[in-house]
């Protein structure tokens, strides 16, 4: 019994359709992956920005604390040099 083509189309046409469908599938998959990579990049950028802002806040707060300590020491030194009657 010989092989019968159920679609009654030439084998070249079937191969061509398969190739076109695979190209369409790869195109759709690529478009989806572009969207996923874009969203991941935005998410990582927001996380990096949050870390950078937290580090800047800590640096500013530590500088403020050091300045306050220096001012407090100056006040203590001034008060120790002054005699109360």
C-alpha atoms as a PDB file:
ATOM      1  CA  UNK A   1       0.000   0.000   0.000  1.00  0.00           C
ATOM      2  CA  UNK A   2       1.433   3.306  -1.058  1.00  0.00           C
ATOM      3  CA  UNK A   3       1.547   6.435   1.107  1.00  0.00           C
ATOM      4  CA  UNK A   4      -1.450   8.639   0.474  1.00  0.00           C
ATOM      5  CA  UNK A   5      -1.334  12.347   1.202  1.00  0.00           C
ATOM      6  CA  UNK A   6      -4.461  13.134   3.288  1.00  0.00           C
ATOM      7  CA  UNK A   7      -4.498  16.774   2.147  1.00  0.00           C
ATOM      8  CA  UNK A   8      -3.985  15.898  -1.511  1.00  0.00           C
ATOM      9  CA  UNK A   9      -1.300  18.559  -1.756  1.00  0.00           C
ATOM     10  CA  UNK A  10       2.197  18.190  -3.175  1.00  0.00           C
ATOM     11  CA  UNK A  11       4.914  17.464  -0.623  1.00  0.00           C
ATOM     12  CA  UNK A  12       6.669  20.731  -1.519  1.00  0.00           C
ATOM     13  CA  UNK A  13       3.549  22.663  -0.553  1.00  0.00           C
ATOM     14  CA  UNK A  14       3.366  20.863   2.793  1.00  0.00           C
ATOM     15  CA  UNK A  15       7.033  21.576   3.491  1.00  0.00           C
ATOM     16  CA  UNK A  16       6.546  25.214   2.553  1.00  0.00           C
ATOM     17  CA  UNK A  17       3.540  25.526   4.871  1.00  0.00           C
ATOM     18  CA  UNK A  18       5.487  23.925   7.711  1.00  0.00           C
ATOM     19  CA  UNK A  19       8.357  26.328   7.176  1.00  0.00           C
ATOM     20  CA  UNK A  20       6.028  29.355   7.119  1.00  0.00           C
ATOM     21  CA  UNK A  21       4.196  28.210  10.258  1.00  0.00           C
ATOM     22  CA  UNK A  22       7.495  27.727  12.063  1.00  0.00           C
ATOM     23  CA  UNK A  23       8.635  31.220  11.035  1.00  0.00           C
ATOM     24  CA  UNK A  24       5.334  32.662  12.275  1.00  0.00           C
ATOM     25  CA  UNK A  25       5.767  30.795  15.574  1.00  0.00           C
ATOM     26  CA  UNK A  26       9.306  32.075  16.024  1.00  0.00           C
ATOM     27  CA  UNK A  27       8.103  35.622  15.279  1.00  0.00           C
ATOM     28  CA  UNK A  28       5.339  35.437  17.896  1.00  0.00           C
ATOM     29  CA  UNK A  29       7.713  33.884  20.435  1.00  0.00           C
ATOM     30  CA  UNK A  30      10.275  36.630  19.735  1.00  0.00           C
ATOM     31  CA  UNK A  31       7.711  39.390  20.218  1.00  0.00           C
ATOM     32  CA  UNK A  32       6.626  37.886  23.537  1.00  0.00           C
ATOM     33  CA  UNK A  33      10.236  37.562  24.686  1.00  0.00           C
ATOM     34  CA  UNK A  34      10.939  41.197  23.767  1.00  0.00           C
ATOM     35  CA  UNK A  35       8.081  42.240  26.049  1.00  0.00           C
ATOM     36  CA  UNK A  36       9.267  40.012  28.885  1.00  0.00           C
ATOM     37  CA  UNK A  37      12.855  41.254  28.677  1.00  0.00           C
ATOM     38  CA  UNK A  38      11.653  44.854  28.581  1.00  0.00           C
ATOM     39  CA  UNK A  39       9.554  44.371  31.728  1.00  0.00           C
ATOM     40  CA  UNK A  40      12.435  42.626  33.502  1.00  0.00           C
ATOM     41  CA  UNK A  41      14.813  45.452  32.564  1.00  0.00           C
ATOM     42  CA  UNK A  42      12.407  48.052  33.948  1.00  0.00           C
ATOM     43  CA  UNK A  43      12.002  46.057  37.169  1.00  0.00           C
ATOM     44  CA  UNK A  44      15.753  45.725  37.673  1.00  0.00           C
ATOM     45  CA  UNK A  45      16.237  49.431  36.944  1.00  0.00           C
ATOM     46  CA  UNK A  46      13.659  50.374  39.575  1.00  0.00           C
ATOM     47  CA  UNK A  47      15.343  48.087  42.115  1.00  0.00           C
ATOM     48  CA  UNK A  48      18.753  49.585  41.371  1.00  0.00           C
ATOM     49  CA  UNK A  49      17.342  53.103  41.690  1.00  0.00           C
ATOM     50  CA  UNK A  50      15.790  52.238  45.057  1.00  0.00           C
ATOM     51  CA  UNK A  51      19.135  50.892  46.320  1.00  0.00           C
ATOM     52  CA  UNK A  52      20.974  53.984  45.105  1.00  0.00           C
ATOM     53  CA  UNK A  53      18.446  56.319  46.738  1.00  0.00           C
ATOM     54  CA  UNK A  54      18.687  54.383  50.009  1.00  0.00           C
ATOM     55  CA  UNK A  55      22.481  54.685  49.963  1.00  0.00           C
ATOM     56  CA  UNK A  56      22.253  58.425  49.285  1.00  0.00           C
ATOM     57  CA  UNK A  57      19.747  58.822  52.141  1.00  0.00           C
ATOM     58  CA  UNK A  58      22.067  56.935  54.505  1.00  0.00           C
ATOM     59  CA  UNK A  59      25.008  59.098  53.461  1.00  0.00           C
ATOM     60  CA  UNK A  60      23.035  62.290  54.076  1.00  0.00           C
ATOM     61  CA  UNK A  61      21.749  61.022  57.422  1.00  0.00           C
ATOM     62  CA  UNK A  62      25.230  59.982  58.549  1.00  0.00           C
ATOM     63  CA  UNK A  63      26.595  63.394  57.555  1.00  0.00           C
ATOM     64  CA  UNK A  64      23.797  65.075  59.526  1.00  0.00           C
ATOM     65  CA  UNK A  65      24.530  62.906  62.564  1.00  0.00           C
ATOM     66  CA  UNK A  66      28.239  63.756  62.400  1.00  0.00           C
ATOM     67  CA  UNK A  67      27.442  67.453  62.115  1.00  0.00           C
ATOM     68  CA  UNK A  68      25.060  67.267  65.087  1.00  0.00           C
ATOM     69  CA  UNK A  69      27.683  65.460  67.175  1.00  0.00           C
ATOM     70  CA  UNK A  70      30.270  68.092  66.330  1.00  0.00           C
ATOM     71  CA  UNK A  71      27.875  70.881  67.310  1.00  0.00           C
ATOM     72  CA  UNK A  72      26.967  69.099  70.555  1.00  0.00           C
ATOM     73  CA  UNK A  73      30.657  68.745  71.452  1.00  0.00           C
ATOM     74  CA  UNK A  74      31.212  72.439  70.778  1.00  0.00           C
ATOM     75  CA  UNK A  75      28.301  73.322  73.060  1.00  0.00           C
ATOM     76  CA  UNK A  76      29.608  71.014  75.781  1.00  0.00           C
ATOM     77  CA  UNK A  77      33.058  72.551  75.508  1.00  0.00           C
ATOM     78  CA  UNK A  78      31.570  76.041  75.702  1.00  0.00           C
ATOM     79  CA  UNK A  79      29.503  75.122  78.740  1.00  0.00           C
ATOM     80  CA  UNK A  80      32.460  73.542  80.522  1.00  0.00           C
ATOM     81  CA  UNK A  81      34.534  76.660  80.042  1.00  0.00           C
ATOM     82  CA  UNK A  82      31.786  78.862  81.479  1.00  0.00           C
ATOM     83  CA  UNK A  83      31.322  79.010  85.239  1.00  0.00           C
ATOM     84  CA  UNK A  84      27.854  79.250  86.662  1.00  0.00           C
ATOM     85  CA  UNK A  85      27.324  81.340  89.789  1.00  0.00           C
END
